N, C-alpha and C. Protein backbone atom coordinates (compact mmCIF):
# COMPACT_ATOMS: atom_id res chain seq x y z
N UNK A 1 15.64 -7.31 -20.97
CA UNK A 1 14.46 -7.02 -20.18
C UNK A 1 14.22 -8.17 -19.20
N UNK A 2 13.96 -7.81 -17.92
CA UNK A 2 13.76 -8.86 -16.93
C UNK A 2 12.35 -9.46 -17.03
N UNK A 3 12.15 -10.55 -16.31
CA UNK A 3 10.88 -11.29 -16.37
C UNK A 3 9.71 -10.41 -15.94
N UNK A 4 9.91 -9.60 -14.88
CA UNK A 4 8.82 -8.76 -14.41
C UNK A 4 8.43 -7.73 -15.47
N UNK A 5 9.42 -7.14 -16.12
CA UNK A 5 9.13 -6.15 -17.17
C UNK A 5 8.31 -6.78 -18.28
N UNK A 6 8.60 -8.03 -18.63
CA UNK A 6 7.83 -8.73 -19.66
C UNK A 6 6.39 -8.96 -19.21
N UNK A 7 6.21 -9.31 -17.92
CA UNK A 7 4.87 -9.52 -17.39
C UNK A 7 4.07 -8.22 -17.44
N UNK A 8 4.70 -7.11 -17.07
CA UNK A 8 4.02 -5.81 -17.05
C UNK A 8 3.54 -5.42 -18.44
N UNK A 9 4.35 -5.65 -19.44
CA UNK A 9 3.98 -5.28 -20.81
C UNK A 9 2.72 -6.01 -21.26
N UNK A 10 2.46 -7.19 -20.70
CA UNK A 10 1.27 -7.94 -21.10
C UNK A 10 0.02 -7.52 -20.32
N UNK A 11 0.16 -6.63 -19.37
CA UNK A 11 -0.97 -6.17 -18.56
C UNK A 11 -1.26 -4.71 -18.88
N UNK A 12 -2.33 -4.19 -18.32
CA UNK A 12 -2.71 -2.80 -18.55
C UNK A 12 -2.18 -1.87 -17.47
N UNK A 13 -1.39 -2.36 -16.58
CA UNK A 13 -0.85 -1.55 -15.50
C UNK A 13 0.09 -0.50 -16.07
N UNK A 14 -0.08 0.75 -15.61
CA UNK A 14 0.77 1.83 -16.06
C UNK A 14 1.04 2.79 -14.91
N UNK A 15 2.00 3.67 -15.10
CA UNK A 15 2.31 4.68 -14.08
C UNK A 15 1.11 5.58 -13.85
N UNK A 16 0.45 6.00 -14.92
CA UNK A 16 -0.69 6.89 -14.74
C UNK A 16 -1.85 6.18 -14.04
N UNK A 17 -2.07 4.90 -14.32
CA UNK A 17 -3.11 4.14 -13.62
C UNK A 17 -2.79 4.08 -12.12
N UNK A 18 -1.53 3.77 -11.79
CA UNK A 18 -1.12 3.69 -10.38
C UNK A 18 -1.23 5.04 -9.69
N UNK A 19 -0.89 6.11 -10.39
CA UNK A 19 -1.01 7.44 -9.81
C UNK A 19 -2.47 7.76 -9.50
N UNK A 20 -3.37 7.41 -10.42
CA UNK A 20 -4.79 7.63 -10.17
C UNK A 20 -5.32 6.79 -9.02
N UNK A 21 -4.87 5.55 -8.96
CA UNK A 21 -5.27 4.67 -7.86
C UNK A 21 -4.75 5.20 -6.52
N UNK A 22 -3.53 5.68 -6.52
CA UNK A 22 -2.95 6.28 -5.31
C UNK A 22 -3.80 7.46 -4.85
N UNK A 23 -4.19 8.30 -5.78
CA UNK A 23 -5.03 9.46 -5.48
C UNK A 23 -6.36 9.03 -4.85
N UNK A 24 -6.97 7.98 -5.40
CA UNK A 24 -8.25 7.48 -4.88
C UNK A 24 -8.09 6.90 -3.47
N UNK A 25 -7.00 6.15 -3.24
CA UNK A 25 -6.76 5.56 -1.91
C UNK A 25 -6.48 6.66 -0.89
N UNK A 26 -5.69 7.65 -1.27
CA UNK A 26 -5.43 8.76 -0.35
C UNK A 26 -6.71 9.54 -0.06
N UNK A 27 -7.57 9.66 -1.06
CA UNK A 27 -8.87 10.30 -0.83
C UNK A 27 -9.69 9.53 0.19
N UNK A 28 -9.64 8.21 0.12
CA UNK A 28 -10.35 7.38 1.11
C UNK A 28 -9.76 7.60 2.50
N UNK A 29 -8.43 7.66 2.60
CA UNK A 29 -7.78 7.87 3.90
C UNK A 29 -8.14 9.24 4.47
N UNK A 30 -8.18 10.25 3.62
CA UNK A 30 -8.55 11.60 4.07
C UNK A 30 -9.98 11.60 4.58
N UNK A 31 -10.87 10.89 3.89
CA UNK A 31 -12.27 10.81 4.33
C UNK A 31 -12.38 10.11 5.69
N UNK A 32 -11.64 9.02 5.87
CA UNK A 32 -11.65 8.32 7.16
C UNK A 32 -11.15 9.26 8.25
N UNK A 33 -10.06 9.93 8.01
CA UNK A 33 -9.46 10.83 9.00
C UNK A 33 -10.40 11.99 9.32
N UNK A 34 -11.02 12.54 8.28
CA UNK A 34 -11.96 13.65 8.46
C UNK A 34 -13.16 13.21 9.29
N UNK A 35 -13.60 11.96 9.10
CA UNK A 35 -14.80 11.46 9.77
C UNK A 35 -14.54 11.06 11.22
N UNK A 36 -13.43 10.35 11.49
CA UNK A 36 -13.23 9.86 12.87
C UNK A 36 -12.04 10.50 13.58
N UNK A 37 -11.23 11.29 12.87
CA UNK A 37 -10.13 12.01 13.51
C UNK A 37 -8.95 11.13 13.86
N UNK A 38 -8.03 11.70 14.61
CA UNK A 38 -6.84 10.97 15.03
C UNK A 38 -6.99 10.49 16.47
N UNK A 39 -6.03 9.70 16.93
CA UNK A 39 -6.01 9.27 18.32
C UNK A 39 -6.58 7.89 18.59
N UNK A 40 -6.98 7.18 17.55
CA UNK A 40 -7.51 5.83 17.72
C UNK A 40 -6.43 4.81 17.39
N UNK A 41 -6.75 3.53 17.57
CA UNK A 41 -5.75 2.49 17.28
C UNK A 41 -5.84 2.07 15.81
N UNK A 42 -4.75 1.48 15.34
CA UNK A 42 -4.61 1.12 13.93
C UNK A 42 -5.74 0.23 13.43
N UNK A 43 -6.17 -0.74 14.22
CA UNK A 43 -7.20 -1.67 13.76
C UNK A 43 -8.52 -0.97 13.43
N UNK A 44 -8.83 0.11 14.12
CA UNK A 44 -10.05 0.87 13.82
C UNK A 44 -9.91 1.56 12.46
N UNK A 45 -8.76 2.18 12.24
CA UNK A 45 -8.54 2.82 10.94
C UNK A 45 -8.55 1.81 9.80
N UNK A 46 -8.02 0.62 10.06
CA UNK A 46 -8.00 -0.41 9.03
C UNK A 46 -9.43 -0.80 8.65
N UNK A 47 -10.29 -1.00 9.64
CA UNK A 47 -11.68 -1.36 9.33
C UNK A 47 -12.39 -0.24 8.60
N UNK A 48 -12.13 1.00 9.02
CA UNK A 48 -12.75 2.15 8.34
C UNK A 48 -12.24 2.28 6.91
N UNK A 49 -10.94 2.06 6.70
CA UNK A 49 -10.39 2.12 5.34
C UNK A 49 -11.01 1.04 4.47
N UNK A 50 -11.19 -0.15 4.99
CA UNK A 50 -11.82 -1.22 4.23
C UNK A 50 -13.22 -0.82 3.80
N UNK A 51 -13.97 -0.25 4.73
CA UNK A 51 -15.33 0.19 4.43
C UNK A 51 -15.32 1.29 3.36
N UNK A 52 -14.42 2.24 3.52
CA UNK A 52 -14.34 3.36 2.57
C UNK A 52 -13.92 2.89 1.17
N UNK A 53 -12.96 1.98 1.11
CA UNK A 53 -12.53 1.44 -0.19
C UNK A 53 -13.68 0.68 -0.86
N UNK A 54 -14.41 -0.10 -0.07
CA UNK A 54 -15.57 -0.83 -0.61
C UNK A 54 -16.60 0.15 -1.17
N UNK A 55 -16.89 1.22 -0.41
CA UNK A 55 -17.87 2.20 -0.86
C UNK A 55 -17.43 2.89 -2.16
N UNK A 56 -16.14 3.00 -2.36
CA UNK A 56 -15.59 3.65 -3.56
C UNK A 56 -15.36 2.66 -4.70
N UNK A 57 -15.67 1.39 -4.48
CA UNK A 57 -15.53 0.39 -5.53
C UNK A 57 -14.09 0.03 -5.85
N UNK A 58 -13.23 0.15 -4.86
CA UNK A 58 -11.81 -0.18 -5.03
C UNK A 58 -11.57 -1.56 -4.44
N UNK A 59 -11.07 -2.49 -5.24
CA UNK A 59 -10.85 -3.86 -4.75
C UNK A 59 -9.54 -3.94 -3.97
N UNK A 60 -9.53 -4.82 -2.97
CA UNK A 60 -8.35 -4.96 -2.11
C UNK A 60 -8.40 -6.28 -1.37
N UNK A 61 -7.24 -6.67 -0.88
CA UNK A 61 -7.12 -7.79 0.07
C UNK A 61 -6.65 -7.18 1.37
N UNK A 62 -7.18 -7.67 2.48
CA UNK A 62 -6.73 -7.15 3.77
C UNK A 62 -5.97 -8.24 4.52
N UNK A 63 -4.96 -7.80 5.27
CA UNK A 63 -4.12 -8.72 6.05
C UNK A 63 -3.61 -9.85 5.16
N UNK A 64 -3.18 -9.50 3.96
CA UNK A 64 -2.70 -10.48 3.00
C UNK A 64 -1.41 -11.12 3.50
N UNK A 65 -1.41 -12.45 3.55
CA UNK A 65 -0.19 -13.17 3.95
C UNK A 65 0.80 -13.11 2.80
N UNK A 66 2.00 -12.67 3.11
CA UNK A 66 3.04 -12.52 2.11
C UNK A 66 3.99 -13.70 2.23
N UNK A 67 4.12 -14.48 1.16
CA UNK A 67 5.05 -15.62 1.22
C UNK A 67 6.50 -15.14 1.25
N UNK A 68 7.30 -15.79 2.07
CA UNK A 68 8.73 -15.49 2.16
C UNK A 68 9.48 -16.78 1.84
N UNK A 69 10.39 -16.68 0.88
CA UNK A 69 11.16 -17.85 0.44
C UNK A 69 12.63 -17.68 0.78
N UNK A 70 13.24 -18.78 1.13
CA UNK A 70 14.68 -18.84 1.32
C UNK A 70 15.19 -20.04 0.55
N UNK A 71 16.02 -19.78 -0.46
CA UNK A 71 16.55 -20.85 -1.32
C UNK A 71 15.44 -21.75 -1.84
N UNK A 72 14.44 -21.14 -2.45
CA UNK A 72 13.29 -21.81 -3.07
C UNK A 72 12.37 -22.54 -2.08
N UNK A 73 12.59 -22.34 -0.79
CA UNK A 73 11.71 -22.96 0.20
C UNK A 73 10.89 -21.88 0.89
N UNK A 74 9.56 -22.09 0.91
CA UNK A 74 8.71 -21.12 1.60
C UNK A 74 8.84 -21.31 3.10
N UNK A 75 9.10 -20.21 3.79
CA UNK A 75 9.26 -20.24 5.24
C UNK A 75 7.91 -20.10 5.94
N UNK A 76 7.79 -20.67 7.10
CA UNK A 76 6.56 -20.59 7.89
C UNK A 76 6.59 -19.30 8.71
N UNK A 77 6.42 -18.19 8.01
CA UNK A 77 6.46 -16.88 8.63
C UNK A 77 5.11 -16.21 8.40
N UNK A 78 4.54 -15.63 9.42
CA UNK A 78 3.26 -14.95 9.30
C UNK A 78 3.54 -13.46 9.04
N UNK A 79 3.81 -13.15 7.78
CA UNK A 79 4.17 -11.82 7.31
C UNK A 79 2.96 -11.27 6.56
N UNK A 80 2.37 -10.18 7.03
CA UNK A 80 1.12 -9.69 6.42
C UNK A 80 1.17 -8.18 6.19
N UNK A 81 0.61 -7.78 5.05
CA UNK A 81 0.47 -6.34 4.81
C UNK A 81 -0.97 -5.94 5.11
N UNK A 82 -1.16 -4.70 5.49
CA UNK A 82 -2.50 -4.24 5.89
C UNK A 82 -3.49 -4.32 4.73
N UNK A 83 -3.15 -3.68 3.61
CA UNK A 83 -4.03 -3.68 2.45
C UNK A 83 -3.20 -3.85 1.18
N UNK A 84 -3.67 -4.69 0.29
CA UNK A 84 -3.06 -4.84 -1.03
C UNK A 84 -4.15 -4.47 -2.03
N UNK A 85 -4.04 -3.28 -2.59
CA UNK A 85 -5.11 -2.70 -3.39
C UNK A 85 -4.92 -3.06 -4.86
N UNK A 86 -5.95 -3.63 -5.43
CA UNK A 86 -6.01 -4.02 -6.84
C UNK A 86 -4.76 -4.78 -7.30
N UNK A 87 -4.20 -5.56 -6.41
CA UNK A 87 -3.04 -6.42 -6.69
C UNK A 87 -1.83 -5.67 -7.24
N UNK A 88 -1.71 -4.38 -6.88
CA UNK A 88 -0.57 -3.62 -7.39
C UNK A 88 -0.09 -2.52 -6.45
N UNK A 89 -0.85 -2.21 -5.41
CA UNK A 89 -0.52 -1.10 -4.51
C UNK A 89 -0.58 -1.58 -3.05
N UNK A 90 0.57 -1.53 -2.38
CA UNK A 90 0.63 -1.93 -0.97
C UNK A 90 0.32 -0.71 -0.11
N UNK A 91 -0.60 -0.87 0.84
CA UNK A 91 -0.95 0.22 1.74
C UNK A 91 -0.69 -0.26 3.16
N UNK A 92 0.20 0.43 3.84
CA UNK A 92 0.53 0.11 5.23
C UNK A 92 -0.01 1.23 6.10
N UNK A 93 -0.85 0.84 7.07
CA UNK A 93 -1.51 1.81 7.93
C UNK A 93 -0.83 1.86 9.29
N UNK A 94 -0.73 3.07 9.84
CA UNK A 94 -0.16 3.27 11.16
C UNK A 94 -1.01 4.28 11.91
N UNK A 95 -0.89 4.24 13.24
CA UNK A 95 -1.50 5.24 14.12
C UNK A 95 -0.47 5.50 15.22
N UNK A 96 0.60 6.18 14.85
CA UNK A 96 1.76 6.35 15.74
C UNK A 96 2.12 7.83 15.85
N UNK A 97 2.87 8.16 16.89
CA UNK A 97 3.30 9.55 17.06
C UNK A 97 4.42 9.93 16.11
N UNK A 98 5.19 8.93 15.67
CA UNK A 98 6.30 9.20 14.76
C UNK A 98 6.48 8.04 13.79
N UNK A 99 6.59 8.37 12.52
CA UNK A 99 6.88 7.36 11.50
C UNK A 99 8.39 7.18 11.47
N UNK A 100 8.83 5.96 11.66
CA UNK A 100 10.26 5.68 11.73
C UNK A 100 10.74 5.04 10.42
N UNK A 101 12.04 5.04 10.19
CA UNK A 101 12.57 4.36 9.01
C UNK A 101 12.23 2.87 8.97
N UNK A 102 12.02 2.26 10.12
CA UNK A 102 11.63 0.85 10.17
C UNK A 102 10.30 0.62 9.45
N UNK A 103 9.33 1.52 9.62
CA UNK A 103 8.04 1.40 8.94
C UNK A 103 8.21 1.52 7.43
N UNK A 104 9.10 2.42 7.01
CA UNK A 104 9.36 2.60 5.59
C UNK A 104 10.02 1.34 5.01
N UNK A 105 10.98 0.79 5.75
CA UNK A 105 11.65 -0.44 5.31
C UNK A 105 10.66 -1.59 5.22
N UNK A 106 9.76 -1.67 6.17
CA UNK A 106 8.72 -2.70 6.17
C UNK A 106 7.88 -2.60 4.89
N UNK A 107 7.43 -1.40 4.55
CA UNK A 107 6.62 -1.20 3.35
C UNK A 107 7.41 -1.58 2.10
N UNK A 108 8.66 -1.15 2.01
CA UNK A 108 9.48 -1.48 0.85
C UNK A 108 9.70 -2.99 0.72
N UNK A 109 9.82 -3.67 1.84
CA UNK A 109 9.97 -5.12 1.82
C UNK A 109 8.69 -5.78 1.31
N UNK A 110 7.54 -5.34 1.79
CA UNK A 110 6.27 -5.88 1.31
C UNK A 110 6.15 -5.67 -0.19
N UNK A 111 6.51 -4.48 -0.67
CA UNK A 111 6.43 -4.18 -2.10
C UNK A 111 7.31 -5.13 -2.90
N UNK A 112 8.51 -5.37 -2.40
CA UNK A 112 9.44 -6.25 -3.11
C UNK A 112 8.91 -7.68 -3.16
N UNK A 113 8.47 -8.19 -2.02
CA UNK A 113 7.99 -9.57 -1.95
C UNK A 113 6.73 -9.79 -2.78
N UNK A 114 5.87 -8.77 -2.86
CA UNK A 114 4.64 -8.88 -3.63
C UNK A 114 4.81 -8.43 -5.09
N UNK A 115 6.02 -7.97 -5.41
CA UNK A 115 6.31 -7.43 -6.75
C UNK A 115 5.34 -6.31 -7.09
N UNK A 116 5.07 -5.47 -6.09
CA UNK A 116 4.17 -4.33 -6.25
C UNK A 116 5.01 -3.09 -6.57
N UNK A 117 4.64 -2.36 -7.60
CA UNK A 117 5.45 -1.22 -8.00
C UNK A 117 5.32 0.03 -7.13
N UNK A 118 4.27 0.08 -6.31
CA UNK A 118 4.04 1.30 -5.54
C UNK A 118 3.47 0.95 -4.18
N UNK A 119 3.76 1.79 -3.20
CA UNK A 119 3.24 1.59 -1.85
C UNK A 119 2.97 2.93 -1.18
N UNK A 120 2.05 2.92 -0.23
CA UNK A 120 1.73 4.13 0.54
C UNK A 120 1.79 3.79 2.02
N UNK A 121 2.49 4.61 2.76
CA UNK A 121 2.51 4.52 4.22
C UNK A 121 1.62 5.64 4.73
N UNK A 122 0.55 5.27 5.44
CA UNK A 122 -0.41 6.25 5.93
C UNK A 122 -0.42 6.21 7.45
N UNK A 123 -0.19 7.37 8.06
CA UNK A 123 -0.24 7.49 9.52
C UNK A 123 -1.43 8.37 9.89
N UNK A 124 -2.40 7.78 10.58
CA UNK A 124 -3.61 8.50 10.95
C UNK A 124 -3.44 9.39 12.19
N UNK A 125 -2.34 9.25 12.88
CA UNK A 125 -2.12 10.06 14.08
C UNK A 125 -1.39 11.35 13.70
N UNK A 126 -2.08 12.19 12.95
CA UNK A 126 -1.52 13.45 12.49
C UNK A 126 -2.66 14.44 12.28
N UNK A 127 -2.34 15.73 12.18
CA UNK A 127 -3.41 16.72 11.98
C UNK A 127 -3.99 16.73 10.56
N UNK A 128 -3.19 16.30 9.55
CA UNK A 128 -3.63 16.39 8.17
C UNK A 128 -2.97 15.26 7.37
N UNK A 129 -3.78 14.33 6.86
CA UNK A 129 -3.24 13.18 6.11
C UNK A 129 -2.44 13.65 4.90
N UNK A 130 -3.00 14.57 4.12
CA UNK A 130 -2.33 14.96 2.88
C UNK A 130 -0.98 15.63 3.15
N UNK A 131 -0.94 16.50 4.14
CA UNK A 131 0.28 17.27 4.40
C UNK A 131 1.32 16.50 5.22
N UNK A 132 0.87 15.70 6.17
CA UNK A 132 1.84 15.09 7.10
C UNK A 132 1.63 13.61 7.36
N UNK A 133 0.57 13.02 6.84
CA UNK A 133 0.24 11.66 7.23
C UNK A 133 0.43 10.60 6.17
N UNK A 134 1.10 10.92 5.07
CA UNK A 134 1.27 9.91 4.04
C UNK A 134 2.60 10.09 3.33
N UNK A 135 3.13 8.96 2.90
CA UNK A 135 4.36 8.97 2.12
C UNK A 135 4.24 7.86 1.09
N UNK A 136 4.55 8.19 -0.15
CA UNK A 136 4.42 7.25 -1.25
C UNK A 136 5.80 6.78 -1.69
N UNK A 137 5.90 5.50 -2.01
CA UNK A 137 7.17 4.90 -2.44
C UNK A 137 6.97 4.16 -3.76
N UNK A 138 7.99 4.20 -4.60
CA UNK A 138 8.03 3.38 -5.81
C UNK A 138 9.33 2.60 -5.80
N UNK A 139 9.39 1.55 -6.61
CA UNK A 139 10.60 0.72 -6.66
C UNK A 139 10.95 0.39 -8.10
N UNK A 140 11.83 -0.59 -8.26
CA UNK A 140 12.30 -0.95 -9.61
C UNK A 140 11.17 -1.47 -10.50
N UNK A 141 10.11 -2.01 -9.93
CA UNK A 141 8.99 -2.49 -10.72
C UNK A 141 8.23 -1.33 -11.34
N UNK A 142 8.16 -0.21 -10.62
CA UNK A 142 7.49 0.99 -11.13
C UNK A 142 8.24 1.55 -12.33
N UNK A 143 9.55 1.52 -12.27
CA UNK A 143 10.37 2.13 -13.32
C UNK A 143 10.15 1.49 -14.68
N UNK A 144 9.77 0.22 -14.74
CA UNK A 144 9.57 -0.45 -16.03
C UNK A 144 8.15 -0.33 -16.56
N UNK A 145 7.27 0.29 -15.80
CA UNK A 145 5.88 0.45 -16.25
C UNK A 145 5.79 1.46 -17.38
N UNK A 146 4.87 1.26 -18.31
CA UNK A 146 4.64 2.30 -19.31
C UNK A 146 3.98 3.52 -18.66
N UNK A 147 4.16 4.67 -19.27
CA UNK A 147 3.57 5.90 -18.72
C UNK A 147 2.05 5.84 -18.69
N UNK A 148 1.46 5.38 -19.79
CA UNK A 148 -0.02 5.35 -19.87
C UNK A 148 -0.53 3.98 -20.25
């Protein structure tokens, strides 16, 4: 068993908890989209998401600086994720006409560096968040989580 798997066993984090948290965050995104619509810039959606998450009692860090190491040395890189929800779910927000593989790779990298088991890519420039504006990702950290 790897070090991360041992850390997870000592915490209450589980797949079902993360699934519920994902549902709540997507609900917040749907509410933001329903309230202000599409066609705005990413920073507006980010502020609205922060407000909505606060109203729902969901804790998060915004614009969290992600440390990047090379051979045990931290690099002076300003690498930030949009939202890090409850220290386990990375949320990357976009307001673009097309979600590219680069955005997905960016989210997966943030998840790996933060050792976060799950991430959501949300694009507010779409007609319907649930049907076309979100994509959820899991990684090797998710696989070692207990079900409940």
